Amino acid sequence: MDDKKCEALLLDSLKDHGSLTKPEIVRLLWDVLPDQLDDKQKNNKLDYLLKRLRKAGKIWTERNEVTSVWHLTEK
């Protein structure tokens, strides 16, 4: 699955659920990432996706002691 499809799936899920924790995002996107990637590469790809969307102003995160919670940026 290409980056745009992963991005769309994540943004649609955030619209539907309001927020997602990092483990929920991993569960959502893990199996749709290319099989040729190992676990470390998949984690890096997910981190890059979240960082790119955050820098673009599409999502934001709140952090607590346990995990980060991601939200859509309201416009």
C-alpha atoms as a PDB file:
ATOM      1  CA  MET A   1       0.000   0.000   0.000  1.00  0.00           C
ATOM      2  CA  ASP A   2       1.452   3.349  -0.921  1.00  0.00           C
ATOM      3  CA  ASP A   3       1.913   6.260   1.477  1.00  0.00           C
ATOM      4  CA  LYS A   4      -1.143   8.156   0.231  1.00  0.00           C
ATOM      5  CA  LYS A   5      -3.426   5.186   0.922  1.00  0.00           C
ATOM      6  CA  CYS A   6      -1.972   4.733   4.420  1.00  0.00           C
ATOM      7  CA  GLU A   7      -2.442   8.432   5.045  1.00  0.00           C
ATOM      8  CA  ALA A   8      -6.052   8.326   3.851  1.00  0.00           C
ATOM      9  CA  LEU A   9      -6.821   5.261   5.992  1.00  0.00           C
ATOM     10  CA  LEU A  10      -5.347   6.939   9.070  1.00  0.00           C
ATOM     11  CA  LEU A  11      -7.139  10.257   8.501  1.00  0.00           C
ATOM     12  CA  ASP A  12     -10.464   8.492   7.849  1.00  0.00           C
ATOM     13  CA  SER A  13     -10.046   6.449  11.030  1.00  0.00           C
ATOM     14  CA  LEU A  14      -9.294   9.592  13.031  1.00  0.00           C
ATOM     15  CA  LYS A  15     -12.453  11.193  11.604  1.00  0.00           C
ATOM     16  CA  ASP A  16     -14.483   8.145  12.615  1.00  0.00           C
ATOM     17  CA  HIS A  17     -13.007   7.665  16.102  1.00  0.00           C
ATOM     18  CA  GLY A  18     -11.991  11.183  17.116  1.00  0.00           C
ATOM     19  CA  SER A  19      -8.584  10.034  18.361  1.00  0.00           C
ATOM     20  CA  LEU A  20      -6.294   7.010  18.206  1.00  0.00           C
ATOM     21  CA  THR A  21      -3.448   5.896  20.415  1.00  0.00           C
ATOM     22  CA  LYS A  22      -0.135   4.947  18.855  1.00  0.00           C
ATOM     23  CA  PRO A  23      -0.791   1.211  19.469  1.00  0.00           C
ATOM     24  CA  GLU A  24      -4.180   1.561  17.749  1.00  0.00           C
ATOM     25  CA  ILE A  25      -2.521   3.222  14.756  1.00  0.00           C
ATOM     26  CA  VAL A  26       0.044   0.426  14.611  1.00  0.00           C
ATOM     27  CA  ARG A  27      -2.738  -2.204  14.634  1.00  0.00           C
ATOM     28  CA  LEU A  28      -4.658  -0.287  11.961  1.00  0.00           C
ATOM     29  CA  LEU A  29      -1.792   0.105   9.501  1.00  0.00           C
ATOM     30  CA  TRP A  30       0.658  -2.732  10.298  1.00  0.00           C
ATOM     31  CA  ASP A  31      -0.851  -5.351   7.999  1.00  0.00           C
ATOM     32  CA  VAL A  32      -1.322  -2.953   5.104  1.00  0.00           C
ATOM     33  CA  LEU A  33       2.371  -2.031   5.008  1.00  0.00           C
ATOM     34  CA  PRO A  34       4.478  -3.955   2.481  1.00  0.00           C
ATOM     35  CA  ASP A  35       5.417  -7.483   3.567  1.00  0.00           C
ATOM     36  CA  GLN A  36       8.996  -7.003   2.398  1.00  0.00           C
ATOM     37  CA  LEU A  37       9.553  -4.508   5.236  1.00  0.00           C
ATOM     38  CA  ASP A  38      10.814  -5.917   8.517  1.00  0.00           C
ATOM     39  CA  ASP A  39       9.349  -4.799  11.861  1.00  0.00           C
ATOM     40  CA  LYS A  40      11.893  -2.010  12.354  1.00  0.00           C
ATOM     41  CA  GLN A  41      11.235  -0.637   8.863  1.00  0.00           C
ATOM     42  CA  LYS A  42       7.470  -0.756   9.448  1.00  0.00           C
ATOM     43  CA  ASN A  43       7.856   1.135  12.723  1.00  0.00           C
ATOM     44  CA  ASN A  44      10.047   3.734  11.002  1.00  0.00           C
ATOM     45  CA  LYS A  45       7.515   4.125   8.193  1.00  0.00           C
ATOM     46  CA  LEU A  46       4.672   4.673  10.669  1.00  0.00           C
ATOM     47  CA  ASP A  47       6.717   7.172  12.681  1.00  0.00           C
ATOM     48  CA  TYR A  48       7.587   9.049   9.484  1.00  0.00           C
ATOM     49  CA  LEU A  49       3.916   9.113   8.420  1.00  0.00           C
ATOM     50  CA  LEU A  50       2.826  10.552  11.765  1.00  0.00           C
ATOM     51  CA  LYS A  51       5.643  13.104  11.747  1.00  0.00           C
ATOM     52  CA  ARG A  52       4.859  14.192   8.183  1.00  0.00           C
ATOM     53  CA  LEU A  53       1.133  14.623   8.927  1.00  0.00           C
ATOM     54  CA  ARG A  54       1.918  16.516  12.138  1.00  0.00           C
ATOM     55  CA  LYS A  55       4.301  18.891  10.349  1.00  0.00           C
ATOM     56  CA  ALA A  56       1.674  19.421   7.628  1.00  0.00           C
ATOM     57  CA  GLY A  57      -0.764  20.501  10.351  1.00  0.00           C
ATOM     58  CA  LYS A  58      -3.230  17.678   9.684  1.00  0.00           C
ATOM     59  CA  ILE A  59      -2.863  15.914  13.038  1.00  0.00           C
ATOM     60  CA  TRP A  60      -1.578  16.662  16.525  1.00  0.00           C
ATOM     61  CA  THR A  61      -0.609  14.567  19.504  1.00  0.00           C
ATOM     62  CA  GLU A  62      -0.999  14.688  23.226  1.00  0.00           C
ATOM     63  CA  ARG A  63       1.406  12.623  25.260  1.00  0.00           C
ATOM     64  CA  ASN A  64       0.982  11.015  28.640  1.00  0.00           C
ATOM     65  CA  GLU A  65       3.050   8.601  30.696  1.00  0.00           C
ATOM     66  CA  VAL A  66       1.719   5.571  28.812  1.00  0.00           C
ATOM     67  CA  THR A  67       1.362   6.486  25.131  1.00  0.00           C
ATOM     68  CA  SER A  68       0.633   9.257  22.669  1.00  0.00           C
ATOM     69  CA  VAL A  69      -2.897  10.018  21.509  1.00  0.00           C
ATOM     70  CA  TRP A  70      -3.339  11.404  17.990  1.00  0.00           C
ATOM     71  CA  HIS A  71      -6.135  13.737  16.859  1.00  0.00           C
ATOM     72  CA  LEU A  72      -7.158  15.489  13.667  1.00  0.00           C
ATOM     73  CA  THR A  73      -6.379  19.178  13.581  1.00  0.00           C
ATOM     74  CA  GLU A  74      -9.645  21.076  13.414  1.00  0.00           C
ATOM     75  CA  LYS A  75      -9.869  23.608  10.623  1.00  0.00           C
END
